[in-house]
């Protein structure tokens, strides 16, 4: 008994065979696209206490005290500071969490996201 080659068709009337004794095998390569990344930013205001901003950075962005203080001072001095870079869903969640937390504590702190 002779085994059929996966590339060659048969001449025995196989309905899958185009009739010329050969078959074409097509391989498609799946290319995975990396997800878009978003920067989460804090915006400066004249009312939110510095300690509250440090607390937000520690709680929602897992920053240590030194990094949180550095970012808070950058926000204070430059008007905006980056908290981290995340996929869309994570960035959106963090923005919502920070905004809700700030409102609960009656602070006007603004947190936004922008595509990197």
Protein backbone atom coordinates (compact mmCIF):
# COMPACT_ATOMS: atom_id res chain seq x y z
CA UNK A 1 0.00 0.00 0.00
CA UNK A 2 1.32 3.41 -0.94
CA UNK A 3 0.83 6.45 1.33
CA UNK A 4 -0.42 9.69 -0.19
CA UNK A 5 1.78 12.74 0.04
CA UNK A 6 0.07 15.67 1.83
CA UNK A 7 0.97 17.95 -1.09
CA UNK A 8 -0.06 15.71 -3.94
CA UNK A 9 -3.67 14.80 -4.78
CA UNK A 10 -4.79 11.48 -6.18
CA UNK A 11 -6.04 10.45 -9.57
CA UNK A 12 -8.68 8.07 -8.20
CA UNK A 13 -11.60 10.48 -8.47
CA UNK A 14 -11.19 12.11 -5.07
CA UNK A 15 -13.84 14.89 -4.86
CA UNK A 16 -11.34 17.15 -3.04
CA UNK A 17 -8.85 16.84 -5.89
CA UNK A 18 -9.03 19.64 -8.51
CA UNK A 19 -8.50 17.02 -11.22
CA UNK A 20 -4.94 17.67 -12.26
CA UNK A 21 -3.34 15.35 -9.74
CA UNK A 22 -2.10 18.12 -7.41
CA UNK A 23 -3.54 19.99 -4.49
CA UNK A 24 -2.47 23.33 -3.07
CA UNK A 25 -1.89 23.72 0.63
CA UNK A 26 -2.08 27.27 1.90
CA UNK A 27 -0.60 28.24 5.23
CA UNK A 28 -1.56 31.50 6.84
CA UNK A 29 0.71 33.08 9.40
CA UNK A 30 -1.01 34.69 12.33
CA UNK A 31 0.77 37.81 13.41
CA UNK A 32 0.03 38.95 16.91
CA UNK A 33 -0.23 42.69 17.27
CA UNK A 34 0.93 44.18 20.54
CA UNK A 35 -1.84 46.11 22.29
CA UNK A 36 -1.67 49.89 22.20
CA UNK A 37 -0.28 51.47 25.32
CA UNK A 38 -1.60 54.49 27.20
CA UNK A 39 0.09 56.91 29.58
CA UNK A 40 -1.82 57.68 32.77
CA UNK A 41 -1.24 61.28 33.82
CA UNK A 42 -2.03 63.38 36.86
CA UNK A 43 -2.78 67.06 36.31
CA UNK A 44 -1.81 69.79 38.75
CA UNK A 45 -4.37 71.91 40.55
CA UNK A 46 -4.11 74.48 43.32
CA UNK A 47 -6.27 72.64 45.83
CA UNK A 48 -5.38 68.94 46.12
CA UNK A 49 -2.89 68.42 48.98
CA UNK A 50 0.52 67.02 48.10
CA UNK A 51 0.14 64.24 50.66
CA UNK A 52 -3.09 63.12 48.99
CA UNK A 53 -1.35 62.90 45.60
CA UNK A 54 1.45 60.83 47.15
CA UNK A 55 -1.16 58.54 48.70
CA UNK A 56 -2.89 58.11 45.30
CA UNK A 57 0.42 57.21 43.63
CA UNK A 58 1.23 54.65 46.32
CA UNK A 59 -2.24 53.12 46.42
CA UNK A 60 -3.24 52.96 42.75
CA UNK A 61 0.14 52.87 40.99
CA UNK A 62 2.17 50.86 43.52
CA UNK A 63 4.85 53.55 43.80
CA UNK A 64 7.13 53.61 46.81
CA UNK A 65 7.26 56.80 48.90
CA UNK A 66 10.34 58.14 47.12
CA UNK A 67 8.97 57.63 43.59
CA UNK A 68 5.54 58.93 44.59
CA UNK A 69 7.10 62.09 46.03
CA UNK A 70 9.23 62.60 42.90
CA UNK A 71 6.18 62.23 40.61
CA UNK A 72 4.06 64.50 42.82
CA UNK A 73 6.75 67.21 42.68
CA UNK A 74 6.96 66.84 38.91
CA UNK A 75 3.17 67.33 38.68
CA UNK A 76 3.42 70.33 41.00
CA UNK A 77 6.30 71.98 39.10
CA UNK A 78 5.40 71.07 35.51
CA UNK A 79 1.60 70.84 35.61
CA UNK A 80 1.44 67.17 34.62
CA UNK A 81 3.16 63.93 35.58
CA UNK A 82 3.16 60.36 34.34
CA UNK A 83 1.98 57.68 36.75
CA UNK A 84 2.56 54.70 34.46
CA UNK A 85 2.02 53.14 31.04
CA UNK A 86 -0.67 50.48 30.61
CA UNK A 87 -2.93 48.76 28.13
CA UNK A 88 -6.20 50.56 27.39
CA UNK A 89 -8.35 48.61 29.84
CA UNK A 90 -5.88 48.91 32.73
CA UNK A 91 -5.29 52.62 32.09
CA UNK A 92 -9.02 53.30 31.91
CA UNK A 93 -9.60 51.44 35.17
CA UNK A 94 -6.84 53.34 36.97
CA UNK A 95 -8.15 56.72 35.75
CA UNK A 96 -11.65 55.84 36.97
CA UNK A 97 -10.36 54.60 40.34
CA UNK A 98 -8.28 57.75 40.93
CA UNK A 99 -11.07 60.10 39.88
CA UNK A 100 -13.63 58.32 42.07
CA UNK A 101 -11.24 58.29 45.04
CA UNK A 102 -10.47 62.01 44.63
CA UNK A 103 -14.18 62.89 44.46
CA UNK A 104 -14.93 60.78 47.55
CA UNK A 105 -12.33 62.86 49.40
CA UNK A 106 -13.62 66.11 47.86
CA UNK A 107 -10.46 66.90 45.88
CA UNK A 108 -10.48 68.26 42.31
CA UNK A 109 -7.53 66.05 41.25
CA UNK A 110 -7.66 65.19 37.55
CA UNK A 111 -6.33 61.96 36.12
CA UNK A 112 -6.31 61.34 32.36
CA UNK A 113 -4.92 58.88 29.84
CA UNK A 114 -3.35 59.47 26.45
CA UNK A 115 -2.16 57.11 23.75
CA UNK A 116 1.58 56.60 23.85
